[in-house]
Amino acid sequence: MLRTYLPSPFIHLIADSDKRKIPMHKPAPTDFPVHDLIRDRWSPRAFASKSVEPAVLGSLFEAARWAPSSSNEQPWAYLVATKDDAESFAKTLSVLVDFNAGWAKQAPVLVVAVSKLKFHANGNPNRNAFYDTGAATALLSVEATARGLGVHQMAGFDPAKAKEVFDIPADWEPIAALAIGYPGVPESLPHGLRDREVAPRTRKPLTEFVMSGHWGHTSPIVSR
């Protein structure tokens, strides 16, 4: 049985009688049916000023906790900063590239995802560490969608600076930054970003990456 979840507050951008704007809904235009949580998950840049309750954040990381990983190593860690902790928030914001910092400063929560590069038991390299941390973060983002939150994951940050300002151990590597919060309105963004916020969502067709038999041969599963 699929889990019951809270409806997403992302709804189509319209003006009410008071001409106020409300956050968007950008469901994925899928070729095959998927769960609403997957369809409705997207990466907003506009965030409301409302803080995220600690218990809600706890549920996001609980979801990440139960992700699969090679040898159950669970090679992930998350450095979390809310606006209530101004010092940590400023440190996290400082490791983002300027473009991302410009909009992410409005999010109530910033996170740096970190991967442990070696197995705990024997010190051998863990070639799946990034993959596994990505899986944990994907579950986090789905849980966030279920709770009416948006998550925007970013590659645009300085890993070396993150290691320095957070004293991250040598055998751990920062791999992504995340902005988390309740949805805002596109009008809160600069014009260029506003256009990107409301632009239609696109993805490669399934026929480009679902293969059977040999590389480059489209699977009949998706070649309908």
N, C-alpha and C. Protein backbone atom coordinates (compact mmCIF):
# COMPACT_ATOMS: atom_id res chain seq x y z
N MET A 1 0.85 -1.19 0.00
CA MET A 1 0.00 0.00 0.00
C MET A 1 0.88 1.24 0.00
N LEU A 2 0.55 2.24 -0.84
CA LEU A 2 1.31 3.47 -0.86
C LEU A 2 1.00 4.29 0.39
N ARG A 3 2.03 4.98 0.85
CA ARG A 3 1.87 5.76 2.06
C ARG A 3 0.97 6.98 1.82
N THR A 4 0.13 7.27 2.82
CA THR A 4 -0.64 8.50 2.77
C THR A 4 0.29 9.68 3.01
N TYR A 5 0.09 10.74 2.24
CA TYR A 5 0.98 11.89 2.39
C TYR A 5 0.17 13.17 2.33
N LEU A 6 0.79 14.24 2.77
CA LEU A 6 0.12 15.53 2.78
C LEU A 6 0.09 16.10 1.38
N PRO A 7 -0.98 16.75 0.97
CA PRO A 7 -1.03 17.33 -0.36
C PRO A 7 0.04 18.40 -0.51
N SER A 8 0.63 18.46 -1.70
CA SER A 8 1.61 19.49 -1.98
C SER A 8 0.94 20.85 -2.09
N PRO A 9 1.56 21.91 -1.53
CA PRO A 9 0.98 23.24 -1.66
C PRO A 9 1.35 23.90 -2.97
N PHE A 10 2.19 23.25 -3.80
CA PHE A 10 2.54 23.82 -5.08
C PHE A 10 1.31 23.82 -5.98
N ILE A 11 0.80 24.97 -6.30
CA ILE A 11 -0.36 25.04 -7.17
C ILE A 11 -0.10 26.05 -8.27
N HIS A 12 -0.83 25.95 -9.35
CA HIS A 12 -0.56 26.78 -10.51
C HIS A 12 -0.57 28.26 -10.15
N LEU A 13 0.33 29.00 -10.77
CA LEU A 13 0.48 30.42 -10.49
C LEU A 13 -0.73 31.17 -11.05
N ILE A 14 -1.55 31.69 -10.16
CA ILE A 14 -2.72 32.45 -10.56
C ILE A 14 -2.86 33.64 -9.62
N ALA A 15 -3.65 34.60 -10.02
CA ALA A 15 -3.90 35.76 -9.16
C ALA A 15 -5.28 35.63 -8.55
N ASP A 16 -5.37 35.87 -7.23
CA ASP A 16 -6.69 35.84 -6.62
C ASP A 16 -7.33 37.22 -6.71
N SER A 17 -8.46 37.38 -6.05
CA SER A 17 -9.18 38.63 -6.18
C SER A 17 -8.41 39.81 -5.61
N ASP A 18 -7.46 39.54 -4.71
CA ASP A 18 -6.64 40.60 -4.14
C ASP A 18 -5.36 40.80 -4.92
N LYS A 19 -5.24 40.10 -6.07
CA LYS A 19 -4.07 40.21 -6.94
C LYS A 19 -2.80 39.69 -6.27
N ARG A 20 -2.94 38.89 -5.24
CA ARG A 20 -1.77 38.28 -4.62
C ARG A 20 -1.40 37.03 -5.38
N LYS A 21 -0.12 36.71 -5.41
CA LYS A 21 0.34 35.53 -6.12
C LYS A 21 0.52 34.38 -5.14
N ILE A 22 0.32 33.18 -5.63
CA ILE A 22 0.50 32.01 -4.79
C ILE A 22 1.47 31.06 -5.47
N PRO A 23 2.14 30.20 -4.70
CA PRO A 23 3.20 29.36 -5.27
C PRO A 23 2.73 28.43 -6.38
N MET A 24 3.69 27.98 -7.14
CA MET A 24 3.42 27.20 -8.34
C MET A 24 3.33 25.71 -8.08
N HIS A 25 2.67 25.06 -9.00
CA HIS A 25 2.68 23.60 -9.08
C HIS A 25 3.27 23.26 -10.44
N LYS A 26 4.34 22.46 -10.46
CA LYS A 26 4.98 22.11 -11.73
C LYS A 26 5.10 20.59 -11.85
N PRO A 27 3.98 19.90 -11.98
CA PRO A 27 4.06 18.44 -12.10
C PRO A 27 4.79 18.03 -13.37
N ALA A 28 5.51 16.93 -13.28
CA ALA A 28 6.25 16.42 -14.43
C ALA A 28 5.29 15.90 -15.49
N PRO A 29 5.52 16.22 -16.77
CA PRO A 29 4.70 15.65 -17.85
C PRO A 29 5.21 14.26 -18.21
N THR A 30 4.74 13.24 -17.52
CA THR A 30 5.30 11.89 -17.65
C THR A 30 4.69 11.11 -18.81
N ASP A 31 5.48 10.18 -19.36
CA ASP A 31 4.99 9.27 -20.40
C ASP A 31 4.30 8.05 -19.79
N PHE A 32 4.70 7.68 -18.58
CA PHE A 32 4.09 6.57 -17.85
C PHE A 32 3.66 7.11 -16.48
N PRO A 33 2.62 6.55 -15.89
CA PRO A 33 2.19 7.05 -14.58
C PRO A 33 3.22 6.77 -13.49
N VAL A 34 3.41 7.73 -12.61
CA VAL A 34 4.29 7.59 -11.44
C VAL A 34 3.54 8.11 -10.22
N HIS A 35 4.09 7.82 -9.06
CA HIS A 35 3.48 8.32 -7.83
C HIS A 35 3.48 9.85 -7.84
N ASP A 36 2.45 10.43 -7.26
CA ASP A 36 2.34 11.90 -7.21
C ASP A 36 3.56 12.56 -6.58
N LEU A 37 4.17 11.91 -5.60
CA LEU A 37 5.33 12.50 -4.95
C LEU A 37 6.50 12.66 -5.91
N ILE A 38 6.63 11.72 -6.83
CA ILE A 38 7.69 11.82 -7.83
C ILE A 38 7.32 12.83 -8.90
N ARG A 39 6.08 12.80 -9.32
CA ARG A 39 5.60 13.74 -10.33
C ARG A 39 5.71 15.19 -9.85
N ASP A 40 5.42 15.43 -8.58
CA ASP A 40 5.36 16.80 -8.06
C ASP A 40 6.68 17.32 -7.53
N ARG A 41 7.68 16.43 -7.38
CA ARG A 41 8.97 16.90 -6.91
C ARG A 41 9.66 17.75 -7.98
N TRP A 42 10.08 18.93 -7.62
CA TRP A 42 10.87 19.75 -8.54
C TRP A 42 11.80 20.63 -7.72
N SER A 43 12.56 21.49 -8.38
CA SER A 43 13.64 22.23 -7.72
C SER A 43 13.39 23.74 -7.79
N PRO A 44 12.58 24.27 -6.88
CA PRO A 44 12.29 25.70 -6.91
C PRO A 44 13.47 26.53 -6.42
N ARG A 45 13.50 27.77 -6.85
CA ARG A 45 14.45 28.75 -6.29
C ARG A 45 13.75 29.79 -5.44
N ALA A 46 12.45 29.90 -5.57
CA ALA A 46 11.68 30.86 -4.77
C ALA A 46 11.19 30.17 -3.51
N PHE A 47 11.56 30.72 -2.36
CA PHE A 47 11.16 30.14 -1.07
C PHE A 47 10.46 31.19 -0.21
N ALA A 48 9.49 30.73 0.56
CA ALA A 48 8.82 31.59 1.52
C ALA A 48 9.73 31.81 2.73
N SER A 49 9.44 32.86 3.48
CA SER A 49 10.26 33.16 4.66
C SER A 49 9.93 32.26 5.85
N LYS A 50 8.85 31.51 5.76
CA LYS A 50 8.42 30.64 6.86
C LYS A 50 9.52 29.64 7.21
N SER A 51 9.81 29.50 8.50
CA SER A 51 10.81 28.54 8.93
C SER A 51 10.26 27.11 8.84
N VAL A 52 11.16 26.15 8.78
CA VAL A 52 10.78 24.74 8.73
C VAL A 52 10.90 24.17 10.14
N GLU A 53 9.84 23.56 10.61
CA GLU A 53 9.81 23.05 11.97
C GLU A 53 10.89 21.97 12.16
N PRO A 54 11.57 21.97 13.32
CA PRO A 54 12.62 20.96 13.56
C PRO A 54 12.13 19.53 13.38
N ALA A 55 10.92 19.24 13.81
CA ALA A 55 10.40 17.87 13.68
C ALA A 55 10.22 17.49 12.21
N VAL A 56 9.84 18.46 11.38
CA VAL A 56 9.70 18.20 9.95
C VAL A 56 11.06 17.94 9.33
N LEU A 57 12.04 18.76 9.69
CA LEU A 57 13.40 18.52 9.20
C LEU A 57 13.90 17.15 9.65
N GLY A 58 13.57 16.78 10.88
CA GLY A 58 13.97 15.48 11.37
C GLY A 58 13.43 14.35 10.51
N SER A 59 12.21 14.50 10.03
CA SER A 59 11.62 13.48 9.17
C SER A 59 12.34 13.39 7.83
N LEU A 60 12.82 14.50 7.32
CA LEU A 60 13.58 14.48 6.07
C LEU A 60 14.85 13.64 6.22
N PHE A 61 15.55 13.85 7.30
CA PHE A 61 16.80 13.11 7.50
C PHE A 61 16.53 11.66 7.93
N GLU A 62 15.38 11.42 8.54
CA GLU A 62 14.97 10.04 8.81
C GLU A 62 14.77 9.29 7.50
N ALA A 63 14.17 9.97 6.51
CA ALA A 63 14.00 9.35 5.19
C ALA A 63 15.36 9.04 4.56
N ALA A 64 16.29 9.97 4.67
CA ALA A 64 17.64 9.73 4.13
C ALA A 64 18.31 8.56 4.84
N ARG A 65 18.08 8.46 6.11
CA ARG A 65 18.69 7.40 6.93
C ARG A 65 18.39 6.00 6.40
N TRP A 66 17.21 5.82 5.81
CA TRP A 66 16.77 4.49 5.40
C TRP A 66 17.00 4.22 3.92
N ALA A 67 17.87 5.00 3.31
CA ALA A 67 18.25 4.72 1.92
C ALA A 67 19.13 3.48 1.85
N PRO A 68 19.11 2.76 0.73
CA PRO A 68 20.02 1.63 0.55
C PRO A 68 21.45 2.11 0.33
N SER A 69 22.41 1.28 0.70
CA SER A 69 23.82 1.62 0.45
C SER A 69 24.65 0.35 0.38
N SER A 70 25.77 0.44 -0.31
CA SER A 70 26.67 -0.69 -0.46
C SER A 70 27.15 -1.17 0.90
N SER A 71 26.97 -2.47 1.18
CA SER A 71 27.36 -3.08 2.46
C SER A 71 26.73 -2.37 3.66
N ASN A 72 25.62 -1.68 3.42
CA ASN A 72 24.96 -0.90 4.47
C ASN A 72 25.93 0.07 5.15
N GLU A 73 26.85 0.61 4.36
CA GLU A 73 27.86 1.53 4.90
C GLU A 73 27.27 2.87 5.31
N GLN A 74 26.21 3.30 4.62
CA GLN A 74 25.57 4.59 4.92
C GLN A 74 26.60 5.72 4.93
N PRO A 75 27.28 5.94 3.79
CA PRO A 75 28.42 6.84 3.77
C PRO A 75 28.04 8.31 3.59
N TRP A 76 27.00 8.76 4.27
CA TRP A 76 26.54 10.12 4.09
C TRP A 76 26.50 10.86 5.42
N ALA A 77 26.63 12.15 5.32
CA ALA A 77 26.44 13.06 6.46
C ALA A 77 25.90 14.37 5.89
N TYR A 78 25.18 15.10 6.74
CA TYR A 78 24.58 16.35 6.30
C TYR A 78 24.91 17.45 7.32
N LEU A 79 25.47 18.54 6.84
CA LEU A 79 25.69 19.72 7.65
C LEU A 79 24.50 20.65 7.43
N VAL A 80 23.71 20.87 8.48
CA VAL A 80 22.43 21.58 8.36
C VAL A 80 22.54 22.94 9.03
N ALA A 81 22.03 23.96 8.35
CA ALA A 81 22.01 25.31 8.91
C ALA A 81 20.66 25.94 8.66
N THR A 82 20.01 26.40 9.71
CA THR A 82 18.76 27.14 9.57
C THR A 82 19.04 28.62 9.85
N LYS A 83 18.11 29.46 9.43
CA LYS A 83 18.30 30.89 9.65
C LYS A 83 18.27 31.25 11.13
N ASP A 84 17.74 30.35 11.96
CA ASP A 84 17.78 30.59 13.41
C ASP A 84 19.21 30.54 13.94
N ASP A 85 20.09 29.86 13.23
CA ASP A 85 21.50 29.78 13.58
C ASP A 85 22.27 30.62 12.56
N ALA A 86 22.31 31.92 12.81
CA ALA A 86 22.83 32.87 11.82
C ALA A 86 24.27 32.57 11.43
N GLU A 87 25.10 32.14 12.39
CA GLU A 87 26.51 31.88 12.10
C GLU A 87 26.66 30.70 11.14
N SER A 88 25.98 29.60 11.43
CA SER A 88 26.07 28.43 10.56
C SER A 88 25.47 28.71 9.19
N PHE A 89 24.38 29.47 9.17
CA PHE A 89 23.75 29.80 7.90
C PHE A 89 24.70 30.62 7.03
N ALA A 90 25.35 31.60 7.64
CA ALA A 90 26.30 32.45 6.89
C ALA A 90 27.48 31.63 6.38
N LYS A 91 27.97 30.69 7.18
CA LYS A 91 29.06 29.82 6.75
C LYS A 91 28.65 28.99 5.55
N THR A 92 27.45 28.44 5.61
CA THR A 92 26.98 27.61 4.50
C THR A 92 26.78 28.46 3.25
N LEU A 93 26.18 29.61 3.41
CA LEU A 93 25.97 30.50 2.27
C LEU A 93 27.29 30.90 1.63
N SER A 94 28.34 31.03 2.45
CA SER A 94 29.63 31.48 1.94
C SER A 94 30.31 30.47 1.03
N VAL A 95 29.91 29.21 1.08
CA VAL A 95 30.56 28.21 0.23
C VAL A 95 29.84 28.05 -1.11
N LEU A 96 28.68 28.69 -1.27
CA LEU A 96 27.98 28.62 -2.54
C LEU A 96 28.59 29.58 -3.55
N VAL A 97 28.52 29.23 -4.83
CA VAL A 97 28.92 30.19 -5.86
C VAL A 97 27.96 31.37 -5.82
N ASP A 98 28.42 32.51 -6.31
CA ASP A 98 27.63 33.74 -6.18
C ASP A 98 26.24 33.60 -6.76
N PHE A 99 26.13 32.94 -7.91
CA PHE A 99 24.82 32.80 -8.56
C PHE A 99 23.84 32.10 -7.63
N ASN A 100 24.27 30.99 -7.03
CA ASN A 100 23.37 30.26 -6.14
C ASN A 100 23.13 31.00 -4.83
N ALA A 101 24.16 31.64 -4.30
CA ALA A 101 23.99 32.38 -3.05
C ALA A 101 22.95 33.48 -3.19
N GLY A 102 22.84 34.05 -4.40
CA GLY A 102 21.93 35.16 -4.63
C GLY A 102 20.48 34.81 -4.38
N TRP A 103 20.08 33.59 -4.71
CA TRP A 103 18.69 33.20 -4.45
C TRP A 103 18.55 32.30 -3.22
N ALA A 104 19.59 31.48 -2.94
CA ALA A 104 19.48 30.53 -1.83
C ALA A 104 19.46 31.22 -0.47
N LYS A 105 19.91 32.47 -0.41
CA LYS A 105 19.89 33.19 0.87
C LYS A 105 18.47 33.38 1.39
N GLN A 106 17.47 33.23 0.51
CA GLN A 106 16.08 33.37 0.94
C GLN A 106 15.52 32.09 1.55
N ALA A 107 16.17 30.96 1.30
CA ALA A 107 15.69 29.68 1.84
C ALA A 107 15.90 29.65 3.35
N PRO A 108 14.99 29.05 4.11
CA PRO A 108 15.17 28.99 5.56
C PRO A 108 16.16 27.94 6.01
N VAL A 109 16.52 26.99 5.13
CA VAL A 109 17.44 25.92 5.50
C VAL A 109 18.44 25.70 4.37
N LEU A 110 19.71 25.62 4.73
CA LEU A 110 20.76 25.25 3.79
C LEU A 110 21.48 24.02 4.34
N VAL A 111 21.89 23.16 3.43
CA VAL A 111 22.50 21.88 3.82
C VAL A 111 23.67 21.60 2.89
N VAL A 112 24.73 20.99 3.44
CA VAL A 112 25.81 20.46 2.63
C VAL A 112 25.82 18.94 2.83
N ALA A 113 25.72 18.20 1.72
CA ALA A 113 25.77 16.73 1.76
C ALA A 113 27.22 16.29 1.57
N VAL A 114 27.65 15.36 2.42
CA VAL A 114 29.05 14.92 2.46
C VAL A 114 29.11 13.40 2.39
N SER A 115 30.10 12.88 1.66
CA SER A 115 30.25 11.43 1.51
C SER A 115 31.57 10.96 2.10
N LYS A 116 31.52 9.83 2.80
CA LYS A 116 32.73 9.20 3.30
C LYS A 116 33.33 8.33 2.19
N LEU A 117 34.60 8.55 1.88
CA LEU A 117 35.21 7.96 0.69
C LEU A 117 35.74 6.54 0.91
N LYS A 118 35.85 6.10 2.16
CA LYS A 118 36.40 4.77 2.44
C LYS A 118 35.47 3.98 3.35
N PHE A 119 35.52 2.66 3.20
CA PHE A 119 34.73 1.81 4.07
C PHE A 119 35.27 1.86 5.50
N HIS A 120 34.37 1.87 6.45
CA HIS A 120 34.77 1.95 7.86
C HIS A 120 35.56 0.72 8.30
N ALA A 121 35.14 -0.46 7.84
CA ALA A 121 35.72 -1.70 8.36
C ALA A 121 37.15 -1.94 7.92
N ASN A 122 37.49 -1.59 6.66
CA ASN A 122 38.83 -1.94 6.16
C ASN A 122 39.59 -0.79 5.51
N GLY A 123 38.99 0.38 5.41
CA GLY A 123 39.66 1.53 4.84
C GLY A 123 39.79 1.51 3.33
N ASN A 124 39.18 0.53 2.68
CA ASN A 124 39.24 0.48 1.21
C ASN A 124 38.36 1.57 0.61
N PRO A 125 38.72 2.04 -0.59
CA PRO A 125 37.89 3.06 -1.25
C PRO A 125 36.47 2.54 -1.49
N ASN A 126 35.51 3.40 -1.27
CA ASN A 126 34.11 3.06 -1.51
C ASN A 126 33.67 3.75 -2.80
N ARG A 127 33.71 3.02 -3.90
CA ARG A 127 33.38 3.61 -5.19
C ARG A 127 31.90 3.97 -5.31
N ASN A 128 31.08 3.48 -4.38
CA ASN A 128 29.66 3.76 -4.42
C ASN A 128 29.23 4.88 -3.47
N ALA A 129 30.19 5.53 -2.83
CA ALA A 129 29.84 6.51 -1.80
C ALA A 129 28.98 7.65 -2.34
N PHE A 130 29.36 8.20 -3.49
CA PHE A 130 28.58 9.30 -4.04
C PHE A 130 27.19 8.82 -4.47
N TYR A 131 27.17 7.65 -5.09
CA TYR A 131 25.89 7.06 -5.52
C TYR A 131 24.96 6.89 -4.34
N ASP A 132 25.48 6.35 -3.25
CA ASP A 132 24.66 6.07 -2.08
C ASP A 132 24.19 7.36 -1.41
N THR A 133 25.05 8.36 -1.35
CA THR A 133 24.65 9.65 -0.77
C THR A 133 23.57 10.29 -1.64
N GLY A 134 23.70 10.13 -2.96
CA GLY A 134 22.65 10.62 -3.84
C GLY A 134 21.32 9.92 -3.61
N ALA A 135 21.38 8.61 -3.36
CA ALA A 135 20.15 7.87 -3.07
C ALA A 135 19.49 8.38 -1.79
N ALA A 136 20.31 8.63 -0.76
CA ALA A 136 19.77 9.15 0.49
C ALA A 136 19.14 10.52 0.29
N THR A 137 19.79 11.35 -0.50
CA THR A 137 19.27 12.69 -0.74
C THR A 137 18.02 12.66 -1.60
N ALA A 138 17.93 11.69 -2.50
CA ALA A 138 16.70 11.55 -3.29
C ALA A 138 15.52 11.21 -2.38
N LEU A 139 15.73 10.30 -1.42
CA LEU A 139 14.64 9.99 -0.48
C LEU A 139 14.29 11.20 0.37
N LEU A 140 15.30 11.94 0.77
CA LEU A 140 15.06 13.18 1.52
C LEU A 140 14.16 14.12 0.73
N SER A 141 14.44 14.26 -0.56
CA SER A 141 13.67 15.21 -1.38
C SER A 141 12.23 14.73 -1.59
N VAL A 142 12.03 13.42 -1.67
CA VAL A 142 10.67 12.89 -1.81
C VAL A 142 9.89 13.11 -0.50
N GLU A 143 10.54 12.87 0.63
CA GLU A 143 9.89 13.13 1.92
C GLU A 143 9.56 14.61 2.05
N ALA A 144 10.45 15.46 1.56
CA ALA A 144 10.18 16.90 1.60
C ALA A 144 8.94 17.25 0.78
N THR A 145 8.82 16.65 -0.39
CA THR A 145 7.65 16.90 -1.23
C THR A 145 6.38 16.48 -0.51
N ALA A 146 6.44 15.34 0.19
CA ALA A 146 5.27 14.86 0.92
C ALA A 146 4.85 15.83 2.01
N ARG A 147 5.78 16.64 2.48
CA ARG A 147 5.51 17.56 3.59
C ARG A 147 5.36 19.01 3.12
N GLY A 148 5.17 19.17 1.82
CA GLY A 148 4.90 20.50 1.29
C GLY A 148 6.12 21.37 1.14
N LEU A 149 7.31 20.77 1.14
CA LEU A 149 8.56 21.51 1.03
C LEU A 149 9.17 21.36 -0.35
N GLY A 150 10.00 22.32 -0.72
CA GLY A 150 10.81 22.20 -1.92
C GLY A 150 12.27 22.01 -1.54
N VAL A 151 12.99 21.27 -2.37
CA VAL A 151 14.43 21.08 -2.20
C VAL A 151 15.10 21.39 -3.52
N HIS A 152 16.08 22.28 -3.48
CA HIS A 152 16.88 22.57 -4.68
C HIS A 152 18.31 22.12 -4.40
N GLN A 153 18.75 21.11 -5.14
CA GLN A 153 20.10 20.58 -4.96
C GLN A 153 21.07 21.30 -5.89
N MET A 154 22.27 21.57 -5.39
CA MET A 154 23.22 22.40 -6.12
C MET A 154 24.60 21.75 -6.21
N ALA A 155 25.14 21.76 -7.41
CA ALA A 155 26.55 21.42 -7.59
C ALA A 155 27.42 22.67 -7.49
N GLY A 156 26.81 23.83 -7.60
CA GLY A 156 27.53 25.09 -7.61
C GLY A 156 27.93 25.57 -6.23
N PHE A 157 28.99 24.97 -5.70
CA PHE A 157 29.56 25.40 -4.42
C PHE A 157 31.03 25.02 -4.42
N ASP A 158 31.77 25.49 -3.42
CA ASP A 158 33.20 25.28 -3.35
C ASP A 158 33.50 24.18 -2.33
N PRO A 159 33.77 22.95 -2.79
CA PRO A 159 34.02 21.85 -1.84
C PRO A 159 35.22 22.10 -0.94
N ALA A 160 36.28 22.67 -1.50
CA ALA A 160 37.48 22.93 -0.68
C ALA A 160 37.18 23.92 0.43
N LYS A 161 36.43 24.95 0.11
CA LYS A 161 36.07 25.93 1.14
C LYS A 161 35.16 25.30 2.19
N ALA A 162 34.24 24.44 1.74
CA ALA A 162 33.35 23.76 2.69
C ALA A 162 34.16 22.90 3.66
N LYS A 163 35.16 22.20 3.14
CA LYS A 163 35.99 21.38 4.02
C LYS A 163 36.70 22.24 5.05
N GLU A 164 37.13 23.41 4.62
CA GLU A 164 37.86 24.31 5.53
C GLU A 164 36.96 24.91 6.60
N VAL A 165 35.83 25.50 6.17
CA VAL A 165 35.01 26.23 7.14
C VAL A 165 34.27 25.31 8.10
N PHE A 166 34.04 24.06 7.68
CA PHE A 166 33.32 23.12 8.55
C PHE A 166 34.24 22.07 9.19
N ASP A 167 35.54 22.15 8.94
CA ASP A 167 36.51 21.19 9.50
C ASP A 167 36.13 19.75 9.14
N ILE A 168 35.79 19.53 7.88
CA ILE A 168 35.40 18.20 7.42
C ILE A 168 36.65 17.32 7.32
N PRO A 169 36.61 16.10 7.86
CA PRO A 169 37.80 15.23 7.83
C PRO A 169 38.26 14.93 6.40
N ALA A 170 39.52 14.55 6.29
CA ALA A 170 40.14 14.35 4.98
C ALA A 170 39.48 13.24 4.17
N ASP A 171 38.96 12.21 4.85
CA ASP A 171 38.37 11.09 4.12
C ASP A 171 36.88 11.27 3.85
N TRP A 172 36.39 12.48 4.01
CA TRP A 172 35.02 12.83 3.65
C TRP A 172 35.06 13.92 2.58
N GLU A 173 34.11 13.88 1.64
CA GLU A 173 34.09 14.84 0.54
C GLU A 173 32.70 15.48 0.40
N PRO A 174 32.64 16.83 0.46
CA PRO A 174 31.35 17.50 0.21
C PRO A 174 30.98 17.32 -1.26
N ILE A 175 29.74 16.92 -1.54
CA ILE A 175 29.38 16.63 -2.92
C ILE A 175 28.20 17.46 -3.44
N ALA A 176 27.43 18.07 -2.56
CA ALA A 176 26.29 18.86 -3.02
C ALA A 176 25.83 19.79 -1.91
N ALA A 177 25.17 20.86 -2.30
CA ALA A 177 24.50 21.74 -1.35
C ALA A 177 23.00 21.71 -1.65
N LEU A 178 22.20 21.95 -0.62
CA LEU A 178 20.75 21.90 -0.77
C LEU A 178 20.13 23.13 -0.13
N ALA A 179 19.13 23.68 -0.78
CA ALA A 179 18.28 24.70 -0.19
C ALA A 179 16.91 24.06 0.04
N ILE A 180 16.38 24.24 1.24
CA ILE A 180 15.12 23.60 1.63
C ILE A 180 14.19 24.65 2.22
N GLY A 181 12.92 24.57 1.85
CA GLY A 181 11.95 25.48 2.45
C GLY A 181 10.58 25.32 1.85
N TYR A 182 9.63 26.07 2.40
CA TYR A 182 8.30 26.11 1.84
C TYR A 182 8.31 26.98 0.59
N PRO A 183 7.46 26.67 -0.38
CA PRO A 183 7.52 27.37 -1.66
C PRO A 183 7.17 28.85 -1.54
N GLY A 184 7.91 29.65 -2.29
CA GLY A 184 7.60 31.06 -2.42
C GLY A 184 6.95 31.33 -3.76
N VAL A 185 7.00 32.56 -4.19
CA VAL A 185 6.39 32.94 -5.47
C VAL A 185 7.47 33.41 -6.42
N PRO A 186 7.32 33.16 -7.72
CA PRO A 186 8.33 33.57 -8.70
C PRO A 186 8.63 35.06 -8.67
N GLU A 187 7.62 35.87 -8.31
CA GLU A 187 7.83 37.33 -8.27
C GLU A 187 8.90 37.75 -7.28
N SER A 188 9.27 36.87 -6.36
CA SER A 188 10.32 37.21 -5.39
C SER A 188 11.71 37.10 -5.99
N LEU A 189 11.81 36.53 -7.19
CA LEU A 189 13.10 36.32 -7.84
C LEU A 189 13.41 37.43 -8.83
N PRO A 190 14.71 37.66 -9.12
CA PRO A 190 15.06 38.57 -10.21
C PRO A 190 14.45 38.09 -11.52
N HIS A 191 14.34 38.99 -12.49
CA HIS A 191 13.60 38.70 -13.71
C HIS A 191 14.09 37.44 -14.42
N GLY A 192 15.41 37.30 -14.59
CA GLY A 192 15.95 36.14 -15.30
C GLY A 192 15.61 34.83 -14.62
N LEU A 193 15.76 34.80 -13.31
CA LEU A 193 15.43 33.59 -12.57
C LEU A 193 13.93 33.34 -12.53
N ARG A 194 13.16 34.41 -12.55
CA ARG A 194 11.71 34.26 -12.57
C ARG A 194 11.27 33.51 -13.82
N ASP A 195 11.88 33.86 -14.94
CA ASP A 195 11.55 33.18 -16.19
C ASP A 195 11.87 31.69 -16.11
N ARG A 196 13.01 31.36 -15.50
CA ARG A 196 13.39 29.96 -15.36
C ARG A 196 12.45 29.23 -14.41
N GLU A 197 11.97 29.94 -13.40
CA GLU A 197 11.08 29.32 -12.41
C GLU A 197 9.76 28.88 -13.04
N VAL A 198 9.26 29.65 -13.99
CA VAL A 198 7.96 29.35 -14.57
C VAL A 198 8.07 28.59 -15.89
N ALA A 199 9.30 28.35 -16.36
CA ALA A 199 9.48 27.65 -17.63
C ALA A 199 9.01 26.20 -17.51
N PRO A 200 8.51 25.62 -18.61
CA PRO A 200 8.08 24.21 -18.56
C PRO A 200 9.24 23.30 -18.20
N ARG A 201 8.93 22.21 -17.52
CA ARG A 201 9.93 21.20 -17.16
C ARG A 201 10.19 20.29 -18.35
N THR A 202 11.44 19.93 -18.55
CA THR A 202 11.79 19.04 -19.65
C THR A 202 12.74 17.95 -19.16
N ARG A 203 12.74 16.81 -19.84
CA ARG A 203 13.67 15.72 -19.59
C ARG A 203 13.97 15.02 -20.91
N LYS A 204 15.08 14.30 -20.94
CA LYS A 204 15.37 13.45 -22.09
C LYS A 204 14.25 12.43 -22.26
N PRO A 205 13.96 12.02 -23.48
CA PRO A 205 12.98 10.96 -23.65
C PRO A 205 13.51 9.63 -23.13
N LEU A 206 12.62 8.79 -22.65
CA LEU A 206 13.01 7.47 -22.15
C LEU A 206 13.77 6.67 -23.19
N THR A 207 13.46 6.88 -24.46
CA THR A 207 14.10 6.10 -25.53
C THR A 207 15.59 6.38 -25.66
N GLU A 208 16.08 7.44 -25.02
CA GLU A 208 17.51 7.76 -25.09
C GLU A 208 18.33 7.01 -24.05
N PHE A 209 17.70 6.55 -22.97
CA PHE A 209 18.54 5.99 -21.89
C PHE A 209 18.04 4.65 -21.32
N VAL A 210 16.94 4.13 -21.81
CA VAL A 210 16.48 2.81 -21.38
C VAL A 210 16.79 1.84 -22.53
N MET A 211 17.77 0.94 -22.30
CA MET A 211 18.31 0.10 -23.37
C MET A 211 18.17 -1.38 -23.04
N SER A 212 18.22 -2.20 -24.06
CA SER A 212 18.19 -3.66 -23.91
C SER A 212 19.11 -4.29 -24.94
N GLY A 213 19.71 -5.44 -24.58
CA GLY A 213 20.50 -6.21 -25.54
C GLY A 213 21.91 -5.71 -25.73
N HIS A 214 22.07 -4.47 -26.13
CA HIS A 214 23.40 -3.87 -26.28
C HIS A 214 23.25 -2.35 -26.19
N TRP A 215 24.39 -1.72 -25.98
CA TRP A 215 24.39 -0.27 -25.78
C TRP A 215 23.79 0.44 -26.99
N GLY A 216 22.92 1.39 -26.71
CA GLY A 216 22.33 2.19 -27.75
C GLY A 216 21.07 1.62 -28.36
N HIS A 217 20.70 0.38 -27.97
CA HIS A 217 19.48 -0.25 -28.51
C HIS A 217 18.34 0.01 -27.54
N THR A 218 17.39 0.81 -27.97
CA THR A 218 16.27 1.19 -27.11
C THR A 218 15.45 -0.02 -26.70
N SER A 219 15.17 -0.10 -25.41
CA SER A 219 14.35 -1.20 -24.90
C SER A 219 12.93 -1.10 -25.44
N PRO A 220 12.35 -2.23 -25.80
CA PRO A 220 10.94 -2.20 -26.23
C PRO A 220 9.99 -1.78 -25.12
N ILE A 221 10.46 -1.81 -23.89
CA ILE A 221 9.61 -1.38 -22.77
C ILE A 221 9.14 0.06 -22.97
N VAL A 222 10.01 0.91 -23.55
CA VAL A 222 9.69 2.34 -23.67
C VAL A 222 9.50 2.77 -25.12
N SER A 223 9.67 1.88 -26.07
CA SER A 223 9.59 2.28 -27.49
C SER A 223 8.21 2.03 -28.05
N ARG A 224 7.22 2.47 -27.30
CA ARG A 224 5.85 2.27 -27.74
C ARG A 224 5.43 3.41 -28.66
